[in-house]
Amino acid sequence: MSTFVLFETTDRAVSSTPTFFTIDVANDPNVQNPPQSWSVRVWSTVGIHIAVNGQAATVDDFPIAAGLHGEELHVPAGAVFSVIKQDGEADGRVWATRVKRKGA
């Protein structure tokens, strides 16, 4: 079982209207280091679709099931997230957390 260290968390309401948000996933302040992807764990109280490219999420975007385990995504620095609920789901909440595996 992996252990994670939490760095930054945000939460939003999720409905059939796309919700946009960002979390602190900036590039390394040392400009000589290359841009990197960050591990972000996303979970919600309802099934959702998520886009991380700044576009409004649609039912064609990546699905994430409701529940406490969520999904670990690798997103580029500065990513803009958008989520909508899956068809047939009630409105709910979504959380996104920048994470690092403990000991990594």
N, C-alpha and C. Protein backbone atom coordinates (compact mmCIF):
# COMPACT_ATOMS: atom_id res chain seq x y z
N MET A 1 0.84 -1.18 0.00
CA MET A 1 0.00 0.00 0.00
C MET A 1 0.89 1.24 0.00
N SER A 2 0.61 2.17 -0.88
CA SER A 2 1.40 3.39 -0.98
C SER A 2 0.97 4.39 0.09
N THR A 3 1.94 5.13 0.58
CA THR A 3 1.67 6.22 1.50
C THR A 3 1.98 7.52 0.78
N PHE A 4 1.11 8.50 0.94
CA PHE A 4 1.26 9.76 0.23
C PHE A 4 1.42 10.91 1.22
N VAL A 5 2.21 11.90 0.83
CA VAL A 5 2.32 13.16 1.56
C VAL A 5 1.48 14.17 0.78
N LEU A 6 0.60 14.89 1.48
CA LEU A 6 -0.27 15.85 0.83
C LEU A 6 0.38 17.23 0.84
N PHE A 7 0.37 17.90 -0.30
CA PHE A 7 0.97 19.22 -0.40
C PHE A 7 -0.06 20.34 -0.54
N GLU A 8 -1.11 20.10 -1.27
CA GLU A 8 -2.08 21.16 -1.58
C GLU A 8 -3.39 20.47 -1.89
N THR A 9 -4.48 20.99 -1.34
CA THR A 9 -5.79 20.39 -1.58
C THR A 9 -6.79 21.48 -1.94
N THR A 10 -7.70 21.15 -2.83
CA THR A 10 -8.81 22.05 -3.13
C THR A 10 -10.05 21.20 -3.32
N ASP A 11 -11.22 21.77 -3.09
CA ASP A 11 -12.45 21.04 -3.34
C ASP A 11 -13.46 21.99 -3.98
N ARG A 12 -14.36 21.39 -4.75
CA ARG A 12 -15.36 22.16 -5.48
C ARG A 12 -16.66 21.36 -5.55
N ALA A 13 -17.75 22.10 -5.76
CA ALA A 13 -19.02 21.45 -6.07
C ALA A 13 -18.93 20.91 -7.49
N VAL A 14 -19.62 19.80 -7.74
CA VAL A 14 -19.64 19.23 -9.09
C VAL A 14 -21.09 19.00 -9.50
N SER A 15 -21.41 19.39 -10.73
CA SER A 15 -22.77 19.25 -11.26
C SER A 15 -22.67 18.97 -12.75
N SER A 16 -23.76 19.17 -13.47
CA SER A 16 -23.73 18.95 -14.92
C SER A 16 -23.12 20.14 -15.66
N THR A 17 -22.84 21.23 -14.96
CA THR A 17 -22.15 22.38 -15.53
C THR A 17 -20.66 22.26 -15.22
N PRO A 18 -19.78 22.36 -16.21
CA PRO A 18 -18.34 22.22 -15.93
C PRO A 18 -17.86 23.21 -14.87
N THR A 19 -17.09 22.71 -13.92
CA THR A 19 -16.47 23.51 -12.87
C THR A 19 -14.97 23.52 -13.13
N PHE A 20 -14.36 24.69 -13.12
CA PHE A 20 -12.92 24.83 -13.36
C PHE A 20 -12.20 25.14 -12.06
N PHE A 21 -10.98 24.61 -11.92
CA PHE A 21 -10.16 24.95 -10.77
C PHE A 21 -8.71 24.60 -11.06
N THR A 22 -7.81 25.16 -10.28
CA THR A 22 -6.39 24.83 -10.35
C THR A 22 -5.92 24.50 -8.94
N ILE A 23 -4.81 23.82 -8.84
CA ILE A 23 -4.13 23.67 -7.57
C ILE A 23 -2.68 24.06 -7.79
N ASP A 24 -1.93 24.20 -6.72
CA ASP A 24 -0.56 24.69 -6.82
C ASP A 24 0.34 23.62 -7.41
N VAL A 25 0.42 23.58 -8.73
CA VAL A 25 1.31 22.65 -9.42
C VAL A 25 2.20 23.45 -10.37
N ALA A 26 2.90 24.41 -9.80
CA ALA A 26 3.79 25.26 -10.60
C ALA A 26 5.08 24.51 -10.91
N ASN A 27 5.81 25.01 -11.90
CA ASN A 27 7.12 24.45 -12.21
C ASN A 27 8.09 24.71 -11.08
N ASP A 28 9.17 23.97 -11.06
CA ASP A 28 10.26 24.20 -10.11
C ASP A 28 10.74 25.64 -10.28
N PRO A 29 10.93 26.39 -9.17
CA PRO A 29 11.38 27.78 -9.30
C PRO A 29 12.76 27.91 -9.94
N ASN A 30 13.56 26.85 -9.93
CA ASN A 30 14.86 26.88 -10.60
C ASN A 30 14.61 26.67 -12.09
N VAL A 31 14.75 27.72 -12.88
CA VAL A 31 14.41 27.65 -14.30
C VAL A 31 15.30 26.70 -15.08
N GLN A 32 16.42 26.26 -14.49
CA GLN A 32 17.28 25.30 -15.18
C GLN A 32 16.72 23.88 -15.08
N ASN A 33 15.79 23.66 -14.16
CA ASN A 33 15.15 22.35 -14.07
C ASN A 33 14.02 22.30 -15.09
N PRO A 34 13.86 21.17 -15.77
CA PRO A 34 12.82 21.08 -16.79
C PRO A 34 11.42 21.05 -16.17
N PRO A 35 10.39 21.46 -16.93
CA PRO A 35 9.02 21.31 -16.44
C PRO A 35 8.75 19.85 -16.13
N GLN A 36 7.91 19.61 -15.18
CA GLN A 36 7.62 18.23 -14.79
C GLN A 36 6.13 18.03 -14.60
N SER A 37 5.75 16.77 -14.59
CA SER A 37 4.38 16.42 -14.25
C SER A 37 4.29 16.21 -12.75
N TRP A 38 3.13 16.47 -12.21
CA TRP A 38 2.87 16.26 -10.79
C TRP A 38 1.84 15.14 -10.63
N SER A 39 1.94 14.42 -9.53
CA SER A 39 0.91 13.44 -9.19
C SER A 39 -0.19 14.17 -8.44
N VAL A 40 -1.40 14.00 -8.92
CA VAL A 40 -2.57 14.62 -8.30
C VAL A 40 -3.59 13.52 -8.08
N ARG A 41 -4.07 13.39 -6.85
CA ARG A 41 -5.12 12.41 -6.55
C ARG A 41 -6.45 13.14 -6.55
N VAL A 42 -7.40 12.61 -7.32
CA VAL A 42 -8.72 13.21 -7.47
C VAL A 42 -9.76 12.20 -7.00
N TRP A 43 -10.66 12.63 -6.14
CA TRP A 43 -11.76 11.77 -5.73
C TRP A 43 -13.00 12.60 -5.52
N SER A 44 -14.16 11.94 -5.47
CA SER A 44 -15.41 12.69 -5.39
C SER A 44 -16.50 11.84 -4.75
N THR A 45 -17.59 12.52 -4.41
CA THR A 45 -18.74 11.84 -3.82
C THR A 45 -19.65 11.25 -4.89
N VAL A 46 -19.43 11.63 -6.15
CA VAL A 46 -20.21 11.12 -7.28
C VAL A 46 -19.26 10.78 -8.41
N GLY A 47 -19.72 9.99 -9.35
CA GLY A 47 -18.91 9.71 -10.54
C GLY A 47 -18.74 10.98 -11.35
N ILE A 48 -17.52 11.21 -11.85
CA ILE A 48 -17.23 12.44 -12.59
C ILE A 48 -16.48 12.14 -13.88
N HIS A 49 -16.42 13.13 -14.74
CA HIS A 49 -15.51 13.17 -15.89
C HIS A 49 -14.59 14.35 -15.65
N ILE A 50 -13.30 14.19 -15.96
CA ILE A 50 -12.33 15.25 -15.70
C ILE A 50 -11.48 15.53 -16.94
N ALA A 51 -11.21 16.81 -17.16
CA ALA A 51 -10.28 17.26 -18.19
C ALA A 51 -9.21 18.09 -17.49
N VAL A 52 -7.96 17.96 -17.91
CA VAL A 52 -6.87 18.72 -17.28
C VAL A 52 -6.16 19.63 -18.28
N ASN A 53 -6.82 19.88 -19.41
CA ASN A 53 -6.21 20.68 -20.48
C ASN A 53 -6.78 22.09 -20.57
N GLY A 54 -7.54 22.52 -19.57
CA GLY A 54 -8.11 23.86 -19.58
C GLY A 54 -9.43 23.97 -20.32
N GLN A 55 -9.85 22.89 -20.99
CA GLN A 55 -11.12 22.89 -21.72
C GLN A 55 -12.24 22.42 -20.79
N ALA A 56 -13.47 22.78 -21.11
CA ALA A 56 -14.62 22.33 -20.33
C ALA A 56 -14.75 20.82 -20.43
N ALA A 57 -14.91 20.16 -19.30
CA ALA A 57 -15.07 18.71 -19.28
C ALA A 57 -16.37 18.31 -19.97
N THR A 58 -16.33 17.16 -20.65
CA THR A 58 -17.51 16.60 -21.30
C THR A 58 -17.61 15.13 -20.91
N VAL A 59 -18.69 14.48 -21.31
CA VAL A 59 -18.86 13.06 -20.99
C VAL A 59 -17.86 12.19 -21.74
N ASP A 60 -17.12 12.76 -22.68
CA ASP A 60 -16.08 12.01 -23.39
C ASP A 60 -14.74 12.03 -22.66
N ASP A 61 -14.62 12.86 -21.62
CA ASP A 61 -13.36 12.96 -20.88
C ASP A 61 -13.23 11.84 -19.86
N PHE A 62 -12.03 11.76 -19.26
CA PHE A 62 -11.65 10.67 -18.37
C PHE A 62 -12.65 10.49 -17.23
N PRO A 63 -13.22 9.29 -17.07
CA PRO A 63 -14.17 9.06 -15.98
C PRO A 63 -13.45 8.65 -14.70
N ILE A 64 -13.98 9.11 -13.58
CA ILE A 64 -13.48 8.70 -12.26
C ILE A 64 -14.69 8.30 -11.43
N ALA A 65 -14.65 7.09 -10.88
CA ALA A 65 -15.76 6.59 -10.07
C ALA A 65 -15.78 7.30 -8.72
N ALA A 66 -16.96 7.38 -8.13
CA ALA A 66 -17.09 7.95 -6.79
C ALA A 66 -16.37 7.05 -5.79
N GLY A 67 -15.89 7.65 -4.71
CA GLY A 67 -15.30 6.85 -3.65
C GLY A 67 -14.05 7.45 -3.06
N LEU A 68 -13.60 6.83 -1.98
CA LEU A 68 -12.47 7.36 -1.22
C LEU A 68 -11.12 7.10 -1.87
N HIS A 69 -11.02 6.11 -2.76
CA HIS A 69 -9.72 5.79 -3.36
C HIS A 69 -9.35 6.78 -4.45
N GLY A 70 -10.31 7.23 -5.20
CA GLY A 70 -10.05 8.21 -6.24
C GLY A 70 -9.14 7.67 -7.32
N GLU A 71 -8.49 8.58 -8.00
CA GLU A 71 -7.63 8.24 -9.13
C GLU A 71 -6.40 9.13 -9.08
N GLU A 72 -5.23 8.53 -9.30
CA GLU A 72 -4.00 9.32 -9.35
C GLU A 72 -3.73 9.69 -10.80
N LEU A 73 -3.61 11.00 -11.05
CA LEU A 73 -3.35 11.51 -12.38
C LEU A 73 -1.99 12.19 -12.39
N HIS A 74 -1.33 12.18 -13.52
CA HIS A 74 -0.08 12.92 -13.69
C HIS A 74 -0.39 14.09 -14.60
N VAL A 75 -0.28 15.30 -14.06
CA VAL A 75 -0.69 16.49 -14.79
C VAL A 75 0.48 17.45 -14.94
N PRO A 76 0.50 18.22 -16.02
CA PRO A 76 1.58 19.18 -16.21
C PRO A 76 1.46 20.35 -15.24
N ALA A 77 2.58 20.99 -14.97
CA ALA A 77 2.57 22.19 -14.14
C ALA A 77 1.61 23.21 -14.73
N GLY A 78 0.84 23.87 -13.89
CA GLY A 78 -0.10 24.89 -14.35
C GLY A 78 -1.38 24.35 -14.94
N ALA A 79 -1.64 23.06 -14.77
CA ALA A 79 -2.84 22.46 -15.35
C ALA A 79 -4.11 23.11 -14.80
N VAL A 80 -5.10 23.28 -15.68
CA VAL A 80 -6.42 23.76 -15.28
C VAL A 80 -7.37 22.58 -15.38
N PHE A 81 -8.02 22.26 -14.27
CA PHE A 81 -8.92 21.12 -14.19
C PHE A 81 -10.35 21.57 -14.48
N SER A 82 -11.12 20.68 -15.07
CA SER A 82 -12.54 20.90 -15.26
C SER A 82 -13.24 19.57 -14.99
N VAL A 83 -14.35 19.61 -14.25
CA VAL A 83 -15.08 18.38 -13.94
C VAL A 83 -16.57 18.59 -14.17
N ILE A 84 -17.24 17.49 -14.53
CA ILE A 84 -18.70 17.43 -14.54
C ILE A 84 -19.09 16.09 -13.95
N LYS A 85 -20.33 16.00 -13.47
CA LYS A 85 -20.81 14.73 -12.94
C LYS A 85 -21.15 13.80 -14.10
N GLN A 86 -21.08 12.50 -13.85
CA GLN A 86 -21.47 11.52 -14.86
C GLN A 86 -22.99 11.51 -14.98
N ASP A 87 -23.48 11.11 -16.16
CA ASP A 87 -24.93 11.02 -16.38
C ASP A 87 -25.58 10.17 -15.30
N GLY A 88 -26.73 10.62 -14.80
CA GLY A 88 -27.48 9.87 -13.81
C GLY A 88 -27.03 10.09 -12.37
N GLU A 89 -25.97 10.86 -12.16
CA GLU A 89 -25.48 11.12 -10.80
C GLU A 89 -26.12 12.39 -10.24
N ALA A 90 -26.23 12.45 -8.92
CA ALA A 90 -26.67 13.67 -8.25
C ALA A 90 -25.50 14.65 -8.20
N ASP A 91 -25.76 15.89 -7.82
CA ASP A 91 -24.67 16.83 -7.60
C ASP A 91 -23.84 16.35 -6.41
N GLY A 92 -22.57 16.73 -6.39
CA GLY A 92 -21.70 16.28 -5.30
C GLY A 92 -20.51 17.20 -5.13
N ARG A 93 -19.43 16.65 -4.56
CA ARG A 93 -18.19 17.40 -4.34
C ARG A 93 -17.03 16.62 -4.92
N VAL A 94 -16.01 17.36 -5.36
CA VAL A 94 -14.79 16.75 -5.88
C VAL A 94 -13.61 17.38 -5.14
N TRP A 95 -12.59 16.56 -4.87
CA TRP A 95 -11.36 17.00 -4.22
C TRP A 95 -10.19 16.67 -5.12
N ALA A 96 -9.20 17.53 -5.13
CA ALA A 96 -7.95 17.27 -5.86
C ALA A 96 -6.80 17.65 -4.94
N THR A 97 -5.82 16.77 -4.84
CA THR A 97 -4.70 16.97 -3.93
C THR A 97 -3.40 16.68 -4.65
N ARG A 98 -2.45 17.60 -4.57
CA ARG A 98 -1.11 17.33 -5.09
C ARG A 98 -0.43 16.43 -4.08
N VAL A 99 0.13 15.33 -4.55
CA VAL A 99 0.68 14.32 -3.65
C VAL A 99 2.09 13.94 -4.05
N LYS A 100 2.79 13.35 -3.11
CA LYS A 100 4.10 12.75 -3.36
C LYS A 100 4.14 11.45 -2.59
N ARG A 101 4.63 10.39 -3.22
CA ARG A 101 4.77 9.12 -2.51
C ARG A 101 5.80 9.29 -1.41
N LYS A 102 5.47 8.83 -0.22
CA LYS A 102 6.37 8.96 0.92
C LYS A 102 7.66 8.20 0.63
N GLY A 103 8.77 8.85 0.87
CA GLY A 103 10.06 8.22 0.63
C GLY A 103 10.56 8.40 -0.78
N ALA A 104 9.75 9.02 -1.65
CA ALA A 104 10.17 9.23 -3.05
C ALA A 104 10.86 10.56 -3.20
